[in-house]
Each structure stands twice: as C-alpha cells, then as structure tokens.
C-alpha cells in the first residue's frame, strides 16, 4: 500500500525525525499522535493547522523510497566543524549519509563560519588602525577595513586549505595575512606609523593606535626616564599620547608634552610616589 501511495502522493512522504515528528520532502515538520513507522505516506494530512498534522497514512518501506532517491554531495558546517558527506536524498529527506573528505572550504563557507566578523587578533587589529591613521593624515595606503575585507573572502582562501573547524580560523596568523595584503605599503606603514618605539633604556614599547585619536604610548614612569621629549610619528608631525603609570600600573599622567611634565609636574609626582613606593628610585632629574 505504501508503494502505491508513494506513486500517487510523492509529496506526502514523511520521515520520522523525533518522537511524533515527521519531515516532509519539501522540508516542513508535521505531527503524528502516537508511535509511527520510520517512513510513511500520508494522503490525509492537515497542513493548514499549526505545525501540520497527519490524519491518515500507510507505512512505507525505505527500499521503495530509495528507488526514487538520488545521491548528492554535501559540504558545510556542523557544530563548528567543516564536514563532507555523500547523501542519499529524496528531496529534503536524507535517507543515508557517508562521511567523506570535504576538501578546502570555499569563500561562501568561510562567510558562513565567520558570520560577519573576522576573528582578528589584537596585533591584526592594530594593522588596520595603523592604516586608518595614515589615511586620516593624507598618506596613500590601501583602503583596508574589516567591512571591506568581509565583502569578498577570496583573499583568505590560500590560508584556509587545511581549515576543518571554526577554531582553526581563529588560530590563523591574521597579522601576517593583513600585512601580506598591503605589502606595497609596508615601507610607509613601518616608517610613518611604527608598531613599536625604542626607549632610552633600550627597551622597545608597543604603540596603541586608536580611531580618530593619536597613538597611545603606555609605560611605567621609570621606563620614561631619559625620554626628554614626547615621541612623534608620521615623520615627526604627530606627537603620541604618553600615559605614565605608577609602579603598580595606575595612571599618573596623560600628556602630549613630556618636557612640560618633567619641568612642572614631576617634582610633585616624585614626592607622592616616593612615599608610596620607597623601594623604587626617584631621581630629581630623570
């Protein structure tokens, strides 16, 4: 009976996907009260009711449905993993699936996994902010932003050949990838918007680039000893903002004029810090 009804009602086949829940070939779920077979044909079904309801059915042998099925390949994300299958399908009903190597993801697959946001590391974000800083000051560098990068992810494909889970995308060398996209601007980027500054102590300190603001140099006040003038970027045109911290890492002063700080503010700061941190050296002329 099921085979005869399948010929007459090919769109009323249903596959059990949960207790009392069946899926139709077109995709919707319908309800059957009580325990039913794994496959059935429902010539009597109320599809106008909320969720749909099976009123009259006959059991269907899976083998009869397989006679009308086709084998298709499928690649996509399942629970954060990139998987591939060969599927035996009757429209939206998956009768059987065998796992296969999915191969590398496409740009479309990457778009689905990233969901509109690149998992950029802090260092990679700084590359974009450094480029933005240069553009704000009239330096011709590539127009690179997270929004523009997300419009077409084909640039990312050479780096994702071995990606098999979403976590692999987070672990990509994003800073290296972005610098590779702007290789021609690497010279101006490093010369005019350097990633780090060399301090008088010989230590290298990282600059923090920000939107619509000068770069920030955050360092403990002892690290600034010997730094008479405010460091500058953009060929000496833009002074950085210097955030001076106590030995405990608390802000002491934020300034773009170090010379003025040493001459006017430091004597008072020195007296306060000597009381709080007597084990540290506080020279009169740092």
Protein backbone atom coordinates (compact mmCIF):
# COMPACT_ATOMS: atom_id res chain seq x y z
CA UNK A 1 0.00 0.00 0.00
CA UNK A 2 2.82 2.39 0.87
CA UNK A 3 4.46 1.89 -2.53
CA UNK A 4 1.16 2.56 -4.35
CA UNK A 5 0.52 5.71 -2.30
CA UNK A 6 4.08 6.89 -2.97
CA UNK A 7 3.31 6.84 -6.70
CA UNK A 8 0.11 8.81 -6.14
CA UNK A 9 1.34 11.19 -3.42
CA UNK A 10 5.12 11.69 -3.89
CA UNK A 11 4.97 14.95 -1.94
CA UNK A 12 3.32 13.33 1.10
CA UNK A 13 6.22 11.08 2.06
CA UNK A 14 7.34 11.69 5.65
CA UNK A 15 10.44 10.65 7.58
CA UNK A 16 10.42 10.37 11.38
CA UNK A 17 12.97 12.76 12.88
CA UNK A 18 11.79 12.79 16.51
CA UNK A 19 9.00 11.22 18.58
CA UNK A 20 5.70 12.22 16.94
CA UNK A 21 7.55 14.48 14.49
CA UNK A 22 7.96 13.81 10.76
CA UNK A 23 9.60 15.77 7.97
CA UNK A 24 8.03 16.17 4.53
CA UNK A 25 10.11 16.17 1.30
CA UNK A 26 9.62 19.93 0.98
CA UNK A 27 11.13 20.46 4.44
CA UNK A 28 8.29 21.28 6.92
CA UNK A 29 7.69 19.23 10.06
CA UNK A 30 4.31 17.62 10.75
CA UNK A 31 2.95 15.83 13.81
CA UNK A 32 1.63 12.30 14.21
CA UNK A 33 -0.02 11.41 17.50
CA UNK A 34 1.37 8.18 18.89
CA UNK A 35 4.16 5.93 17.73
CA UNK A 36 4.56 5.64 13.95
CA UNK A 37 6.90 3.93 11.45
CA UNK A 38 10.24 5.33 10.33
CA UNK A 39 8.76 6.23 6.91
CA UNK A 40 5.20 6.72 5.80
CA UNK A 41 2.98 8.22 3.11
CA UNK A 42 0.21 10.49 4.38
CA UNK A 43 -2.56 11.06 1.82
CA UNK A 44 -4.58 12.51 4.69
CA UNK A 45 -2.75 15.45 6.30
CA UNK A 46 -3.90 18.82 7.58
CA UNK A 47 -1.09 21.13 6.55
CA UNK A 48 -3.05 24.27 7.43
CA UNK A 49 -3.04 23.53 11.16
CA UNK A 50 -0.25 24.97 13.29
CA UNK A 51 2.76 22.73 12.69
CA UNK A 52 0.75 20.39 10.44
CA UNK A 53 -0.90 17.11 11.42
CA UNK A 54 -1.03 13.64 9.87
CA UNK A 55 -4.59 12.25 9.78
CA UNK A 56 -4.26 9.17 7.55
CA UNK A 57 -1.16 7.29 6.50
CA UNK A 58 0.33 4.00 5.36
CA UNK A 59 3.79 2.71 6.36
CA UNK A 60 6.43 2.94 3.63
CA UNK A 61 9.37 0.60 3.15
CA UNK A 62 12.63 2.56 2.95
CA UNK A 63 13.71 0.44 -0.01
CA UNK A 64 10.80 1.73 -2.07
CA UNK A 65 11.80 5.30 -1.30
CA UNK A 66 15.43 4.57 -2.20
CA UNK A 67 14.28 3.62 -5.70
CA UNK A 68 13.36 7.29 -6.21
CA UNK A 69 16.29 8.76 -4.30
CA UNK A 70 19.43 10.40 -5.70
CA UNK A 71 22.98 10.59 -4.42
CA UNK A 72 24.33 14.10 -3.86
CA UNK A 73 27.43 15.51 -2.23
CA UNK A 74 27.21 18.00 0.63
CA UNK A 75 29.82 20.18 2.29
CA UNK A 76 29.21 22.53 5.17
CA UNK A 77 29.48 23.32 8.87
CA UNK A 78 28.11 21.06 11.58
CA UNK A 79 28.62 22.03 15.23
CA UNK A 80 31.64 24.14 14.39
CA UNK A 81 33.30 21.56 12.14
CA UNK A 82 33.64 21.58 8.36
CA UNK A 83 32.36 18.23 7.07
CA UNK A 84 31.59 16.48 3.81
CA UNK A 85 29.05 13.78 3.03
CA UNK A 86 27.71 11.70 0.20
CA UNK A 87 23.97 11.67 0.83
CA UNK A 88 21.18 9.53 -0.48
CA UNK A 89 18.29 12.00 -0.66
CA UNK A 90 14.65 12.13 -1.52
CA UNK A 91 14.28 15.89 -1.89
CA UNK A 92 14.80 17.26 1.66
CA UNK A 93 14.81 13.80 3.27
CA UNK A 94 18.26 12.34 3.93
CA UNK A 95 17.97 8.56 3.80
CA UNK A 96 21.65 7.80 4.32
CA UNK A 97 24.92 9.71 4.51
CA UNK A 98 28.57 8.67 4.36
CA UNK A 99 31.34 10.94 5.62
CA UNK A 100 33.97 12.00 3.06
CA UNK A 101 36.86 14.47 3.00
CA UNK A 102 35.23 17.87 2.39
CA UNK A 103 38.35 19.42 0.90
CA UNK A 104 39.13 23.11 1.46
CA UNK A 105 36.24 25.47 2.24
CA UNK A 106 35.06 27.96 -0.35
CA UNK A 107 34.67 31.70 0.20
CA UNK A 108 30.95 31.07 0.81
CA UNK A 109 31.75 28.52 3.51
CA UNK A 110 34.12 31.00 5.17
CA UNK A 111 31.39 33.63 5.10
CA UNK A 112 29.02 31.23 6.85
CA UNK A 113 31.59 30.40 9.53
CA UNK A 114 32.70 33.97 10.24
CA UNK A 115 29.15 35.37 10.44
CA UNK A 116 30.11 38.91 9.57
CA UNK A 117 33.12 39.26 11.88
CA UNK A 118 36.79 38.47 11.37
CA UNK A 119 38.43 36.85 14.42
CA UNK A 120 41.33 39.31 14.29
CA UNK A 121 43.97 39.23 16.98
CA UNK A 122 44.84 42.46 18.78
CA UNK A 123 48.01 42.77 16.65
CA UNK A 124 45.99 42.33 13.45
CA UNK A 125 43.52 44.99 14.60
CA UNK A 126 46.47 47.32 15.07
CA UNK A 127 47.49 46.82 11.42
CA UNK A 128 44.08 48.10 10.31
CA UNK A 129 44.20 51.00 12.78
CA UNK A 130 47.70 51.98 11.63
CA UNK A 131 46.50 52.08 8.02
CA UNK A 132 43.45 54.10 9.06
CA UNK A 133 45.71 56.54 10.93
CA UNK A 134 47.81 57.10 7.82
CA UNK A 135 44.75 57.62 5.61
CA UNK A 136 43.35 60.16 8.08
CA UNK A 137 46.54 62.17 7.62
CA UNK A 138 46.56 62.03 3.83
CA UNK A 139 49.02 59.18 3.27
CA UNK A 140 48.06 56.99 0.30
CA UNK A 141 47.77 53.43 1.56
CA UNK A 142 45.28 50.67 0.63
CA UNK A 143 41.70 51.14 1.81
CA UNK A 144 41.64 48.18 4.16
CA UNK A 145 38.99 47.68 6.83
CA UNK A 146 37.14 44.76 8.35
CA UNK A 147 34.00 45.76 6.43
CA UNK A 148 35.78 45.80 3.05
CA UNK A 149 37.55 42.51 3.79
CA UNK A 150 34.27 40.77 4.59
CA UNK A 151 32.72 41.73 1.24
CA UNK A 152 34.76 39.11 -0.62
CA UNK A 153 36.72 36.48 1.31
CA UNK A 154 38.57 35.05 -1.69
CA UNK A 155 41.77 36.71 -0.37
CA UNK A 156 41.62 34.34 2.61
CA UNK A 157 41.40 31.09 0.61
CA UNK A 158 45.20 30.48 0.33
CA UNK A 159 45.36 30.40 4.15
CA UNK A 160 42.39 28.09 4.76
CA UNK A 161 43.26 24.95 2.78
CA UNK A 162 43.55 22.90 5.97
CA UNK A 163 40.72 24.51 7.93
CA UNK A 164 38.35 21.89 9.32
CA UNK A 165 36.76 23.72 12.24
CA UNK A 166 35.85 27.26 13.22
CA UNK A 167 38.63 27.29 15.83
CA UNK A 168 41.17 26.85 13.01
CA UNK A 169 40.05 30.22 11.62
CA UNK A 170 40.71 31.92 14.94
CA UNK A 171 44.22 30.47 15.00
CA UNK A 172 45.26 31.86 11.60
CA UNK A 173 48.22 34.32 11.55
CA UNK A 174 45.96 37.31 10.95
CA UNK A 175 48.65 39.95 11.34
CA UNK A 176 50.84 38.23 8.73
CA UNK A 177 47.84 37.82 6.40
CA UNK A 178 46.92 41.51 6.55
CA UNK A 179 50.50 42.69 6.09
CA UNK A 180 50.69 40.44 3.02
CA UNK A 181 47.66 42.23 1.56
CA UNK A 182 49.39 45.62 1.87
CA UNK A 183 52.94 44.56 1.02
CA UNK A 184 53.49 47.64 -1.16
CA UNK A 185 52.58 49.90 1.77
CA UNK A 186 54.78 48.05 4.28
CA UNK A 187 57.53 50.68 3.99
CA UNK A 188 55.38 53.76 4.70
CA UNK A 189 53.48 51.83 7.36
CA UNK A 190 56.60 51.00 9.35
CA UNK A 191 58.26 54.36 8.76
CA UNK A 192 55.30 56.66 9.45
CA UNK A 193 53.16 54.55 11.80
CA UNK A 194 55.66 52.27 13.57
CA UNK A 195 54.42 49.38 15.63
CA UNK A 196 56.93 49.97 18.45
CA UNK A 197 59.15 52.77 19.75
CA UNK A 198 62.67 52.43 21.11
CA UNK A 199 63.04 53.89 24.62
CA UNK A 200 66.26 55.42 26.06
CA UNK A 201 66.61 52.29 28.23
CA UNK A 202 66.96 50.22 25.07
CA UNK A 203 63.59 48.57 25.56
CA UNK A 204 61.02 48.55 22.78
CA UNK A 205 57.50 49.60 23.69
CA UNK A 206 54.40 48.93 21.61
CA UNK A 207 52.24 51.84 20.45
CA UNK A 208 48.48 51.52 20.64
CA UNK A 209 46.74 53.03 17.61
CA UNK A 210 43.16 54.26 18.06
CA UNK A 211 40.26 55.53 15.98
CA UNK A 212 40.26 59.31 15.46
CA UNK A 213 42.98 59.85 18.08
CA UNK A 214 46.80 59.99 18.26
CA UNK A 215 48.61 56.74 19.11
CA UNK A 216 48.98 55.91 22.80
CA UNK A 217 52.29 55.05 24.46
CA UNK A 218 51.56 53.49 27.84
CA UNK A 219 54.57 52.89 30.10
CA UNK A 220 55.64 52.97 33.73
CA UNK A 221 57.19 56.24 34.72
CA UNK A 222 60.61 54.62 35.28
CA UNK A 223 60.57 53.47 31.65
CA UNK A 224 60.22 57.10 30.61
CA UNK A 225 63.36 58.22 32.46
CA UNK A 226 65.70 59.73 29.87
CA UNK A 227 62.84 60.43 27.47
CA UNK A 228 63.00 64.21 27.45
CA UNK A 229 60.66 64.95 24.54
CA UNK A 230 57.35 63.42 23.50
CA UNK A 231 57.91 60.78 20.78
CA UNK A 232 56.38 61.60 17.41
CA UNK A 233 55.11 59.60 14.44
CA UNK A 234 54.13 60.46 10.89
CA UNK A 235 57.59 61.83 10.13
CA UNK A 236 57.60 63.95 13.30
CA UNK A 237 54.25 65.61 12.63
CA UNK A 238 52.08 63.92 15.28
CA UNK A 239 53.10 63.63 18.96
CA UNK A 240 51.90 60.45 20.61
CA UNK A 241 49.86 60.49 23.80
CA UNK A 242 52.06 59.32 26.67
CA UNK A 243 50.33 57.57 29.55
CA UNK A 244 52.68 57.42 32.55
CA UNK A 245 51.91 54.73 35.11
CA UNK A 246 52.96 54.16 38.72
CA UNK A 247 54.93 51.01 39.63
CA UNK A 248 51.54 49.43 40.40
CA UNK A 249 50.28 50.26 36.90
CA UNK A 250 47.96 53.10 37.95
CA UNK A 251 47.78 56.20 35.72
CA UNK A 252 49.88 59.12 36.98
CA UNK A 253 49.77 61.47 33.99
CA UNK A 254 48.50 61.53 30.41
CA UNK A 255 50.27 64.08 28.25
CA UNK A 256 51.48 65.03 24.79
CA UNK A 257 54.11 67.36 26.31
CA UNK A 258 56.69 65.35 28.26
CA UNK A 259 59.08 68.26 28.59
CA UNK A 260 56.45 70.30 30.41
CA UNK A 261 55.61 67.32 32.64
CA UNK A 262 59.23 66.84 33.71
CA UNK A 263 59.70 70.54 34.43
CA UNK A 264 56.39 71.42 36.13
CA UNK A 265 54.54 68.33 37.30
CA UNK A 266 57.20 65.74 38.04
CA UNK A 267 58.56 67.28 41.30
CA UNK A 268 55.15 66.94 42.94
CA UNK A 269 54.55 63.48 41.44
CA UNK A 270 58.00 62.42 42.65
CA UNK A 271 57.22 63.34 46.26
CA UNK A 272 53.93 61.42 46.18
CA UNK A 273 55.45 58.33 44.58
CA UNK A 274 58.45 58.32 46.92
CA UNK A 275 56.05 57.91 49.86
CA UNK A 276 54.04 55.15 48.17
CA UNK A 277 56.93 53.28 46.56
CA UNK A 278 60.06 53.96 48.64
CA UNK A 279 61.92 50.93 47.22
CA UNK A 280 61.99 52.49 43.73
CA UNK A 281 64.49 55.06 42.56
CA UNK A 282 63.06 58.55 42.07
CA UNK A 283 65.84 60.80 40.76
CA UNK A 284 65.37 64.57 40.86
CA UNK A 285 66.46 64.84 37.26
CA UNK A 286 65.17 61.80 35.43
